[in-house]
Amino acid sequence: MTEIRLALSAKNDLWGVYGFGSFFRGGDYNDIDILLVSTLDATSPLSTYKSCRETLKQLSKKWNVEIDITFLTYGEHLQKPLREHDSLFEIWRLET
């Protein structure tokens, strides 16, 4: 997950990157599930998503495994909409 951390930590308007799903639970997996959270004041969450998606697409090809992206704004993230929200694996988070 170091490669994901290094690749995404410099992205503008990104508040956090989390993993969830079978890969992060240590089980058999077919893909890697990643949650991206934009900052509260992100000027263009869609641009942030697209930039991160391109970066993760390159890693997906390199690792030969599908990376599924879930994208939430910071406000959405606070509402904990994911079934696994309380057991997210923190990959990177903006220092406050």
PDB file of N, CA and C in Angstrom:
ATOM      1  N   MET A   1       0.805  -1.183   0.000  1.00  0.00           N
ATOM      2  CA  MET A   1       0.000   0.000   0.000  1.00  0.00           C
ATOM      3  C   MET A   1       0.857   1.259   0.000  1.00  0.00           C
ATOM      4  N   THR A   2       2.154   1.054   0.156  1.00  0.00           N
ATOM      5  CA  THR A   2       3.073   2.188   0.117  1.00  0.00           C
ATOM      6  C   THR A   2       3.006   2.897  -1.224  1.00  0.00           C
ATOM      7  N   GLU A   3       2.885   2.130  -2.316  1.00  0.00           N
ATOM      8  CA  GLU A   3       2.814   2.757  -3.639  1.00  0.00           C
ATOM      9  C   GLU A   3       1.570   3.613  -3.781  1.00  0.00           C
ATOM     10  N   ILE A   4       0.458   3.149  -3.259  1.00  0.00           N
ATOM     11  CA  ILE A   4      -0.768   3.945  -3.312  1.00  0.00           C
ATOM     12  C   ILE A   4      -0.580   5.213  -2.487  1.00  0.00           C
ATOM     13  N   ARG A   5      -0.033   5.074  -1.300  1.00  0.00           N
ATOM     14  CA  ARG A   5       0.202   6.227  -0.421  1.00  0.00           C
ATOM     15  C   ARG A   5       1.083   7.262  -1.116  1.00  0.00           C
ATOM     16  N   LEU A   6       2.184   6.816  -1.685  1.00  0.00           N
ATOM     17  CA  LEU A   6       3.104   7.738  -2.348  1.00  0.00           C
ATOM     18  C   LEU A   6       2.469   8.389  -3.573  1.00  0.00           C
ATOM     19  N   ALA A   7       1.709   7.619  -4.318  1.00  0.00           N
ATOM     20  CA  ALA A   7       1.115   8.127  -5.556  1.00  0.00           C
ATOM     21  C   ALA A   7      -0.013   9.121  -5.307  1.00  0.00           C
ATOM     22  N   LEU A   8      -0.762   8.938  -4.235  1.00  0.00           N
ATOM     23  CA  LEU A   8      -1.948   9.768  -4.020  1.00  0.00           C
ATOM     24  C   LEU A   8      -1.781  10.869  -2.981  1.00  0.00           C
ATOM     25  N   SER A   9      -0.773  10.787  -2.146  1.00  0.00           N
ATOM     26  CA  SER A   9      -0.639  11.769  -1.061  1.00  0.00           C
ATOM     27  C   SER A   9      -0.377  13.182  -1.572  1.00  0.00           C
ATOM     28  N   ALA A  10       0.111  13.316  -2.780  1.00  0.00           N
ATOM     29  CA  ALA A  10       0.391  14.645  -3.333  1.00  0.00           C
ATOM     30  C   ALA A  10      -0.777  15.219  -4.130  1.00  0.00           C
ATOM     31  N   LYS A  11      -1.870  14.491  -4.214  1.00  0.00           N
ATOM     32  CA  LYS A  11      -3.019  14.961  -4.993  1.00  0.00           C
ATOM     33  C   LYS A  11      -3.704  16.125  -4.277  1.00  0.00           C
ATOM     34  N   ASN A  12      -4.012  17.151  -5.044  1.00  0.00           N
ATOM     35  CA  ASN A  12      -4.737  18.297  -4.487  1.00  0.00           C
ATOM     36  C   ASN A  12      -6.159  17.894  -4.132  1.00  0.00           C
ATOM     37  N   ASP A  13      -6.676  18.486  -3.117  1.00  0.00           N
ATOM     38  CA  ASP A  13      -8.074  18.306  -2.702  1.00  0.00           C
ATOM     39  C   ASP A  13      -8.415  16.889  -2.258  1.00  0.00           C
ATOM     40  N   LEU A  14      -7.424  16.100  -1.889  1.00  0.00           N
ATOM     41  CA  LEU A  14      -7.681  14.751  -1.391  1.00  0.00           C
ATOM     42  C   LEU A  14      -7.439  14.742   0.116  1.00  0.00           C
ATOM     43  N   TRP A  15      -8.441  14.321   0.872  1.00  0.00           N
ATOM     44  CA  TRP A  15      -8.348  14.304   2.334  1.00  0.00           C
ATOM     45  C   TRP A  15      -7.866  12.958   2.867  1.00  0.00           C
ATOM     46  N   GLY A  16      -8.297  11.868   2.229  1.00  0.00           N
ATOM     47  CA  GLY A  16      -7.901  10.565   2.738  1.00  0.00           C
ATOM     48  C   GLY A  16      -8.058   9.457   1.721  1.00  0.00           C
ATOM     49  N   VAL A  17      -7.300   8.390   1.951  1.00  0.00           N
ATOM     50  CA  VAL A  17      -7.347   7.192   1.117  1.00  0.00           C
ATOM     51  C   VAL A  17      -7.449   6.002   2.065  1.00  0.00           C
ATOM     52  N   TYR A  18      -8.445   5.172   1.842  1.00  0.00           N
ATOM     53  CA  TYR A  18      -8.701   4.028   2.715  1.00  0.00           C
ATOM     54  C   TYR A  18      -8.911   2.772   1.880  1.00  0.00           C
ATOM     55  N   GLY A  19      -8.611   1.653   2.476  1.00  0.00           N
ATOM     56  CA  GLY A  19      -8.893   0.371   1.857  1.00  0.00           C
ATOM     57  C   GLY A  19      -9.990  -0.342   2.623  1.00  0.00           C
ATOM     58  N   PHE A  20     -10.726  -1.187   1.908  1.00  0.00           N
ATOM     59  CA  PHE A  20     -11.750  -2.007   2.553  1.00  0.00           C
ATOM     60  C   PHE A  20     -11.969  -3.245   1.695  1.00  0.00           C
ATOM     61  N   GLY A  21     -12.733  -4.169   2.185  1.00  0.00           N
ATOM     62  CA  GLY A  21     -13.026  -5.374   1.418  1.00  0.00           C
ATOM     63  C   GLY A  21     -12.095  -6.527   1.752  1.00  0.00           C
ATOM     64  N   SER A  22     -12.241  -7.593   0.978  1.00  0.00           N
ATOM     65  CA  SER A  22     -11.554  -8.854   1.274  1.00  0.00           C
ATOM     66  C   SER A  22     -10.033  -8.732   1.246  1.00  0.00           C
ATOM     67  N   PHE A  23      -9.480  -7.928   0.349  1.00  0.00           N
ATOM     68  CA  PHE A  23      -8.029  -7.762   0.296  1.00  0.00           C
ATOM     69  C   PHE A  23      -7.503  -7.256   1.636  1.00  0.00           C
ATOM     70  N   PHE A  24      -8.178  -6.273   2.212  1.00  0.00           N
ATOM     71  CA  PHE A  24      -7.724  -5.667   3.465  1.00  0.00           C
ATOM     72  C   PHE A  24      -8.112  -6.481   4.691  1.00  0.00           C
ATOM     73  N   ARG A  25      -9.027  -7.409   4.522  1.00  0.00           N
ATOM     74  CA  ARG A  25      -9.362  -8.323   5.621  1.00  0.00           C
ATOM     75  C   ARG A  25      -8.456  -9.550   5.601  1.00  0.00           C
ATOM     76  N   GLY A  26      -7.618  -9.660   4.572  1.00  0.00           N
ATOM     77  CA  GLY A  26      -6.690 -10.776   4.476  1.00  0.00           C
ATOM     78  C   GLY A  26      -7.287 -12.028   3.872  1.00  0.00           C
ATOM     79  N   GLY A  27      -8.427 -11.900   3.213  1.00  0.00           N
ATOM     80  CA  GLY A  27      -9.077 -13.054   2.598  1.00  0.00           C
ATOM     81  C   GLY A  27      -8.752 -13.177   1.122  1.00  0.00           C
ATOM     82  N   ASP A  28      -9.359 -14.168   0.477  1.00  0.00           N
ATOM     83  CA  ASP A  28      -9.229 -14.302  -0.969  1.00  0.00           C
ATOM     84  C   ASP A  28      -9.869 -13.078  -1.613  1.00  0.00           C
ATOM     85  N   TYR A  29      -9.251 -12.576  -2.678  1.00  0.00           N
ATOM     86  CA  TYR A  29      -9.776 -11.363  -3.299  1.00  0.00           C
ATOM     87  C   TYR A  29      -9.661 -11.440  -4.817  1.00  0.00           C
ATOM     88  N   ASN A  30     -10.552 -10.720  -5.473  1.00  0.00           N
ATOM     89  CA  ASN A  30     -10.524 -10.576  -6.926  1.00  0.00           C
ATOM     90  C   ASN A  30     -10.173  -9.157  -7.326  1.00  0.00           C
ATOM     91  N   ASP A  31     -10.260  -8.247  -6.381  1.00  0.00           N
ATOM     92  CA  ASP A  31      -9.976  -6.845  -6.639  1.00  0.00           C
ATOM     93  C   ASP A  31      -9.530  -6.178  -5.343  1.00  0.00           C
ATOM     94  N   ILE A  32      -9.138  -4.927  -5.469  1.00  0.00           N
ATOM     95  CA  ILE A  32      -8.754  -4.125  -4.309  1.00  0.00           C
ATOM     96  C   ILE A  32      -9.715  -2.946  -4.249  1.00  0.00           C
ATOM     97  N   ASP A  33     -10.407  -2.810  -3.128  1.00  0.00           N
ATOM     98  CA  ASP A  33     -11.380  -1.736  -2.955  1.00  0.00           C
ATOM     99  C   ASP A  33     -10.734  -0.557  -2.240  1.00  0.00           C
ATOM    100  N   ILE A  34     -10.805   0.606  -2.881  1.00  0.00           N
ATOM    101  CA  ILE A  34     -10.197   1.817  -2.349  1.00  0.00           C
ATOM    102  C   ILE A  34     -11.266   2.891  -2.187  1.00  0.00           C
ATOM    103  N   LEU A  35     -11.258   3.552  -1.042  1.00  0.00           N
ATOM    104  CA  LEU A  35     -12.127   4.697  -0.795  1.00  0.00           C
ATOM    105  C   LEU A  35     -11.281   5.959  -0.848  1.00  0.00           C
ATOM    106  N   LEU A  36     -11.674   6.894  -1.695  1.00  0.00           N
ATOM    107  CA  LEU A  36     -11.038   8.201  -1.779  1.00  0.00           C
ATOM    108  C   LEU A  36     -11.994   9.226  -1.177  1.00  0.00           C
ATOM    109  N   VAL A  37     -11.462  10.124  -0.362  1.00  0.00           N
ATOM    110  CA  VAL A  37     -12.282  11.159   0.270  1.00  0.00           C
ATOM    111  C   VAL A  37     -11.687  12.520  -0.073  1.00  0.00           C
ATOM    112  N   SER A  38     -12.504  13.382  -0.687  1.00  0.00           N
ATOM    113  CA  SER A  38     -12.031  14.721  -1.030  1.00  0.00           C
ATOM    114  C   SER A  38     -12.091  15.627   0.196  1.00  0.00           C
ATOM    115  N   THR A  39     -11.336  16.705   0.153  1.00  0.00           N
ATOM    116  CA  THR A  39     -11.339  17.664   1.252  1.00  0.00           C
ATOM    117  C   THR A  39     -12.678  18.390   1.315  1.00  0.00           C
ATOM    118  N   LEU A  40     -12.952  18.978   2.455  1.00  0.00           N
ATOM    119  CA  LEU A  40     -14.202  19.708   2.655  1.00  0.00           C
ATOM    120  C   LEU A  40     -14.332  20.867   1.671  1.00  0.00           C
ATOM    121  N   ASP A  41     -13.211  21.516   1.373  1.00  0.00           N
ATOM    122  CA  ASP A  41     -13.243  22.685   0.493  1.00  0.00           C
ATOM    123  C   ASP A  41     -12.723  22.391  -0.912  1.00  0.00           C
ATOM    124  N   ALA A  42     -12.827  21.163  -1.354  1.00  0.00           N
ATOM    125  CA  ALA A  42     -12.344  20.785  -2.689  1.00  0.00           C
ATOM    126  C   ALA A  42     -13.019  21.652  -3.750  1.00  0.00           C
ATOM    127  N   THR A  43     -12.211  22.232  -4.626  1.00  0.00           N
ATOM    128  CA  THR A  43     -12.768  23.095  -5.667  1.00  0.00           C
ATOM    129  C   THR A  43     -13.412  22.295  -6.787  1.00  0.00           C
ATOM    130  N   SER A  44     -12.892  21.103  -7.045  1.00  0.00           N
ATOM    131  CA  SER A  44     -13.464  20.262  -8.097  1.00  0.00           C
ATOM    132  C   SER A  44     -13.306  18.788  -7.730  1.00  0.00           C
ATOM    133  N   PRO A  45     -14.228  18.259  -6.934  1.00  0.00           N
ATOM    134  CA  PRO A  45     -14.138  16.844  -6.568  1.00  0.00           C
ATOM    135  C   PRO A  45     -14.061  15.911  -7.780  1.00  0.00           C
ATOM    136  N   LEU A  46     -14.742  16.261  -8.869  1.00  0.00           N
ATOM    137  CA  LEU A  46     -14.699  15.423 -10.066  1.00  0.00           C
ATOM    138  C   LEU A  46     -13.290  15.375 -10.646  1.00  0.00           C
ATOM    139  N   SER A  47     -12.611  16.506 -10.689  1.00  0.00           N
ATOM    140  CA  SER A  47     -11.226  16.527 -11.176  1.00  0.00           C
ATOM    141  C   SER A  47     -10.313  15.712 -10.266  1.00  0.00           C
ATOM    142  N   THR A  48     -10.538  15.810  -8.969  1.00  0.00           N
ATOM    143  CA  THR A  48      -9.754  15.020  -8.015  1.00  0.00           C
ATOM    144  C   THR A  48      -9.958  13.538  -8.275  1.00  0.00           C
ATOM    145  N   TYR A  49     -11.214  13.140  -8.441  1.00  0.00           N
ATOM    146  CA  TYR A  49     -11.529  11.736  -8.726  1.00  0.00           C
ATOM    147  C   TYR A  49     -10.834  11.268 -10.000  1.00  0.00           C
ATOM    148  N   LYS A  50     -10.948  12.044 -11.075  1.00  0.00           N
ATOM    149  CA  LYS A  50     -10.362  11.644 -12.360  1.00  0.00           C
ATOM    150  C   LYS A  50      -8.847  11.506 -12.268  1.00  0.00           C
ATOM    151  N   SER A  51      -8.204  12.424 -11.580  1.00  0.00           N
ATOM    152  CA  SER A  51      -6.754  12.366 -11.419  1.00  0.00           C
ATOM    153  C   SER A  51      -6.335  11.118 -10.643  1.00  0.00           C
ATOM    154  N   CYS A  52      -7.032  10.845  -9.556  1.00  0.00           N
ATOM    155  CA  CYS A  52      -6.732   9.656  -8.749  1.00  0.00           C
ATOM    156  C   CYS A  52      -7.032   8.378  -9.525  1.00  0.00           C
ATOM    157  N   ARG A  53      -8.120   8.386 -10.286  1.00  0.00           N
ATOM    158  CA  ARG A  53      -8.493   7.211 -11.076  1.00  0.00           C
ATOM    159  C   ARG A  53      -7.387   6.851 -12.067  1.00  0.00           C
ATOM    160  N   GLU A  54      -6.811   7.856 -12.719  1.00  0.00           N
ATOM    161  CA  GLU A  54      -5.732   7.594 -13.674  1.00  0.00           C
ATOM    162  C   GLU A  54      -4.513   7.002 -12.973  1.00  0.00           C
ATOM    163  N   THR A  55      -4.181   7.531 -11.826  1.00  0.00           N
ATOM    164  CA  THR A  55      -3.050   7.009 -11.056  1.00  0.00           C
ATOM    165  C   THR A  55      -3.295   5.562 -10.643  1.00  0.00           C
ATOM    166  N   LEU A  56      -4.491   5.275 -10.140  1.00  0.00           N
ATOM    167  CA  LEU A  56      -4.811   3.913  -9.701  1.00  0.00           C
ATOM    168  C   LEU A  56      -4.927   2.953 -10.876  1.00  0.00           C
ATOM    169  N   LYS A  57      -5.320   3.452 -12.030  1.00  0.00           N
ATOM    170  CA  LYS A  57      -5.390   2.612 -13.226  1.00  0.00           C
ATOM    171  C   LYS A  57      -3.994   2.103 -13.597  1.00  0.00           C
ATOM    172  N   GLN A  58      -2.996   2.963 -13.465  1.00  0.00           N
ATOM    173  CA  GLN A  58      -1.614   2.554 -13.743  1.00  0.00           C
ATOM    174  C   GLN A  58      -1.150   1.490 -12.752  1.00  0.00           C
ATOM    175  N   LEU A  59      -1.473   1.668 -11.476  1.00  0.00           N
ATOM    176  CA  LEU A  59      -1.098   0.666 -10.477  1.00  0.00           C
ATOM    177  C   LEU A  59      -1.845  -0.643 -10.707  1.00  0.00           C
ATOM    178  N   SER A  60      -3.083  -0.559 -11.123  1.00  0.00           N
ATOM    179  CA  SER A  60      -3.880  -1.751 -11.415  1.00  0.00           C
ATOM    180  C   SER A  60      -3.217  -2.585 -12.506  1.00  0.00           C
ATOM    181  N   LYS A  61      -2.759  -1.920 -13.546  1.00  0.00           N
ATOM    182  CA  LYS A  61      -2.070  -2.625 -14.640  1.00  0.00           C
ATOM    183  C   LYS A  61      -0.753  -3.220 -14.146  1.00  0.00           C
ATOM    184  N   LYS A  62      -0.021  -2.453 -13.363  1.00  0.00           N
ATOM    185  CA  LYS A  62       1.269  -2.914 -12.840  1.00  0.00           C
ATOM    186  C   LYS A  62       1.105  -4.153 -11.972  1.00  0.00           C
ATOM    187  N   TRP A  63       0.078  -4.166 -11.130  1.00  0.00           N
ATOM    188  CA  TRP A  63      -0.154  -5.271 -10.198  1.00  0.00           C
ATOM    189  C   TRP A  63      -1.020  -6.376 -10.780  1.00  0.00           C
ATOM    190  N   ASN A  64      -1.600  -6.119 -11.948  1.00  0.00           N
ATOM    191  CA  ASN A  64      -2.486  -7.086 -12.610  1.00  0.00           C
ATOM    192  C   ASN A  64      -3.669  -7.488 -11.717  1.00  0.00           C
ATOM    193  N   VAL A  65      -4.266  -6.485 -11.106  1.00  0.00           N
ATOM    194  CA  VAL A  65      -5.465  -6.697 -10.284  1.00  0.00           C
ATOM    195  C   VAL A  65      -6.349  -5.458 -10.431  1.00  0.00           C
ATOM    196  N   GLU A  66      -7.642  -5.684 -10.505  1.00  0.00           N
ATOM    197  CA  GLU A  66      -8.593  -4.580 -10.623  1.00  0.00           C
ATOM    198  C   GLU A  66      -8.618  -3.773  -9.325  1.00  0.00           C
ATOM    199  N   ILE A  67      -8.618  -2.459  -9.460  1.00  0.00           N
ATOM    200  CA  ILE A  67      -8.779  -1.579  -8.307  1.00  0.00           C
ATOM    201  C   ILE A  67     -10.118  -0.874  -8.466  1.00  0.00           C
ATOM    202  N   ASP A  68     -11.026  -1.144  -7.547  1.00  0.00           N
ATOM    203  CA  ASP A  68     -12.347  -0.513  -7.554  1.00  0.00           C
ATOM    204  C   ASP A  68     -12.311   0.713  -6.653  1.00  0.00           C
ATOM    205  N   ILE A  69     -12.812   1.818  -7.176  1.00  0.00           N
ATOM    206  CA  ILE A  69     -12.764   3.085  -6.455  1.00  0.00           C
ATOM    207  C   ILE A  69     -14.156   3.495  -5.993  1.00  0.00           C
ATOM    208  N   THR A  70     -14.243   3.856  -4.730  1.00  0.00           N
ATOM    209  CA  THR A  70     -15.420   4.533  -4.196  1.00  0.00           C
ATOM    210  C   THR A  70     -14.950   5.928  -3.822  1.00  0.00           C
ATOM    211  N   PHE A  71     -15.703   6.933  -4.230  1.00  0.00           N
ATOM    212  CA  PHE A  71     -15.300   8.319  -3.987  1.00  0.00           C
ATOM    213  C   PHE A  71     -16.378   9.027  -3.184  1.00  0.00           C
ATOM    214  N   LEU A  72     -15.973   9.662  -2.094  1.00  0.00           N
ATOM    215  CA  LEU A  72     -16.899  10.425  -1.262  1.00  0.00           C
ATOM    216  C   LEU A  72     -16.329  11.812  -0.988  1.00  0.00           C
ATOM    217  N   THR A  73     -17.206  12.784  -0.870  1.00  0.00           N
ATOM    218  CA  THR A  73     -16.763  14.073  -0.357  1.00  0.00           C
ATOM    219  C   THR A  73     -16.550  13.911   1.149  1.00  0.00           C
ATOM    220  N   TYR A  74     -15.883  14.869   1.752  1.00  0.00           N
ATOM    221  CA  TYR A  74     -15.639  14.792   3.190  1.00  0.00           C
ATOM    222  C   TYR A  74     -16.952  14.732   3.966  1.00  0.00           C
ATOM    223  N   GLY A  75     -17.919  15.538   3.553  1.00  0.00           N
ATOM    224  CA  GLY A  75     -19.222  15.533   4.216  1.00  0.00           C
ATOM    225  C   GLY A  75     -19.909  14.180   4.124  1.00  0.00           C
ATOM    226  N   GLU A  76     -19.835  13.550   2.966  1.00  0.00           N
ATOM    227  CA  GLU A  76     -20.417  12.214   2.803  1.00  0.00           C
ATOM    228  C   GLU A  76     -19.695  11.199   3.678  1.00  0.00           C
ATOM    229  N   HIS A  77     -18.376  11.318   3.730  1.00  0.00           N
ATOM    230  CA  HIS A  77     -17.554  10.414   4.539  1.00  0.00           C
ATOM    231  C   HIS A  77     -17.966  10.468   6.016  1.00  0.00           C
ATOM    232  N   LEU A  78     -18.264  11.650   6.512  1.00  0.00           N
ATOM    233  CA  LEU A  78     -18.665  11.797   7.913  1.00  0.00           C
ATOM    234  C   LEU A  78     -19.971  11.077   8.225  1.00  0.00           C
ATOM    235  N   GLN A  79     -20.804  10.852   7.217  1.00  0.00           N
ATOM    236  CA  GLN A  79     -22.076  10.154   7.406  1.00  0.00           C
ATOM    237  C   GLN A  79     -21.910   8.636   7.441  1.00  0.00           C
ATOM    238  N   LYS A  80     -20.699   8.146   7.157  1.00  0.00           N
ATOM    239  CA  LYS A  80     -20.363   6.719   7.192  1.00  0.00           C
ATOM    240  C   LYS A  80     -21.355   5.861   6.389  1.00  0.00           C
ATOM    241  N   PRO A  81     -21.434   6.092   5.081  1.00  0.00           N
ATOM    242  CA  PRO A  81     -22.417   5.377   4.273  1.00  0.00           C
ATOM    243  C   PRO A  81     -22.041   3.938   3.905  1.00  0.00           C
ATOM    244  N   LEU A  82     -20.791   3.573   4.062  1.00  0.00           N
ATOM    245  CA  LEU A  82     -20.364   2.230   3.662  1.00  0.00           C
ATOM    246  C   LEU A  82     -20.643   1.210   4.759  1.00  0.00           C
ATOM    247  N   ARG A  83     -21.003   0.022   4.355  1.00  0.00           N
ATOM    248  CA  ARG A  83     -21.250  -1.063   5.311  1.00  0.00           C
ATOM    249  C   ARG A  83     -20.010  -1.314   6.172  1.00  0.00           C
ATOM    250  N   GLU A  84     -18.826  -1.189   5.572  1.00  0.00           N
ATOM    251  CA  GLU A  84     -17.567  -1.455   6.281  1.00  0.00           C
ATOM    252  C   GLU A  84     -16.903  -0.178   6.797  1.00  0.00           C
ATOM    253  N   HIS A  85     -17.641   0.891   6.900  1.00  0.00           N
ATOM    254  CA  HIS A  85     -17.043   2.186   7.229  1.00  0.00           C
ATOM    255  C   HIS A  85     -16.283   2.183   8.560  1.00  0.00           C
ATOM    256  N   ASP A  86     -16.755   1.445   9.524  1.00  0.00           N
ATOM    257  CA  ASP A  86     -16.091   1.427  10.830  1.00  0.00           C
ATOM    258  C   ASP A  86     -14.839   0.556  10.865  1.00  0.00           C
ATOM    259  N   SER A  87     -14.567  -0.149   9.781  1.00  0.00           N
ATOM    260  CA  SER A  87     -13.375  -1.006   9.749  1.00  0.00           C
ATOM    261  C   SER A  87     -12.477  -0.676   8.556  1.00  0.00           C
ATOM    262  N   LEU A  88     -12.472   0.587   8.136  1.00  0.00           N
ATOM    263  CA  LEU A  88     -11.615   1.003   7.026  1.00  0.00           C
ATOM    264  C   LEU A  88     -10.144   0.903   7.421  1.00  0.00           C
ATOM    265  N   PHE A  89      -9.318   0.546   6.443  1.00  0.00           N
ATOM    266  CA  PHE A  89      -7.871   0.485   6.628  1.00  0.00           C
ATOM    267  C   PHE A  89      -7.292   1.800   6.110  1.00  0.00           C
ATOM    268  N   GLU A  90      -6.712   2.593   6.984  1.00  0.00           N
ATOM    269  CA  GLU A  90      -6.166   3.887   6.564  1.00  0.00           C
ATOM    270  C   GLU A  90      -4.877   3.697   5.778  1.00  0.00           C
ATOM    271  N   ILE A  91      -4.876   4.164   4.538  1.00  0.00           N
ATOM    272  CA  ILE A  91      -3.682   4.141   3.696  1.00  0.00           C
ATOM    273  C   ILE A  91      -2.957   5.473   3.809  1.00  0.00           C
ATOM    274  N   TRP A  92      -3.733   6.533   3.756  1.00  0.00           N
ATOM    275  CA  TRP A  92      -3.178   7.884   3.886  1.00  0.00           C
ATOM    276  C   TRP A  92      -4.286   8.845   4.278  1.00  0.00           C
ATOM    277  N   ARG A  93      -3.934   9.831   5.102  1.00  0.00           N
ATOM    278  CA  ARG A  93      -4.899  10.872   5.475  1.00  0.00           C
ATOM    279  C   ARG A  93      -4.157  12.181   5.642  1.00  0.00           C
ATOM    280  N   LEU A  94      -4.789  13.246   5.192  1.00  0.00           N
ATOM    281  CA  LEU A  94      -4.221  14.584   5.298  1.00  0.00           C
ATOM    282  C   LEU A  94      -3.980  14.930   6.759  1.00  0.00           C
ATOM    283  N   GLU A  95      -2.789  15.412   7.051  1.00  0.00           N
ATOM    284  CA  GLU A  95      -2.476  15.835   8.422  1.00  0.00           C
ATOM    285  C   GLU A  95      -3.182  17.150   8.697  1.00  0.00           C
ATOM    286  N   THR A  96      -3.842  17.238   9.829  1.00  0.00           N
ATOM    287  CA  THR A  96      -4.560  18.483  10.154  1.00  0.00           C
ATOM    288  C   THR A  96      -3.912  19.212  11.297  1.00  0.00           C
TER     289      THR A  96
END
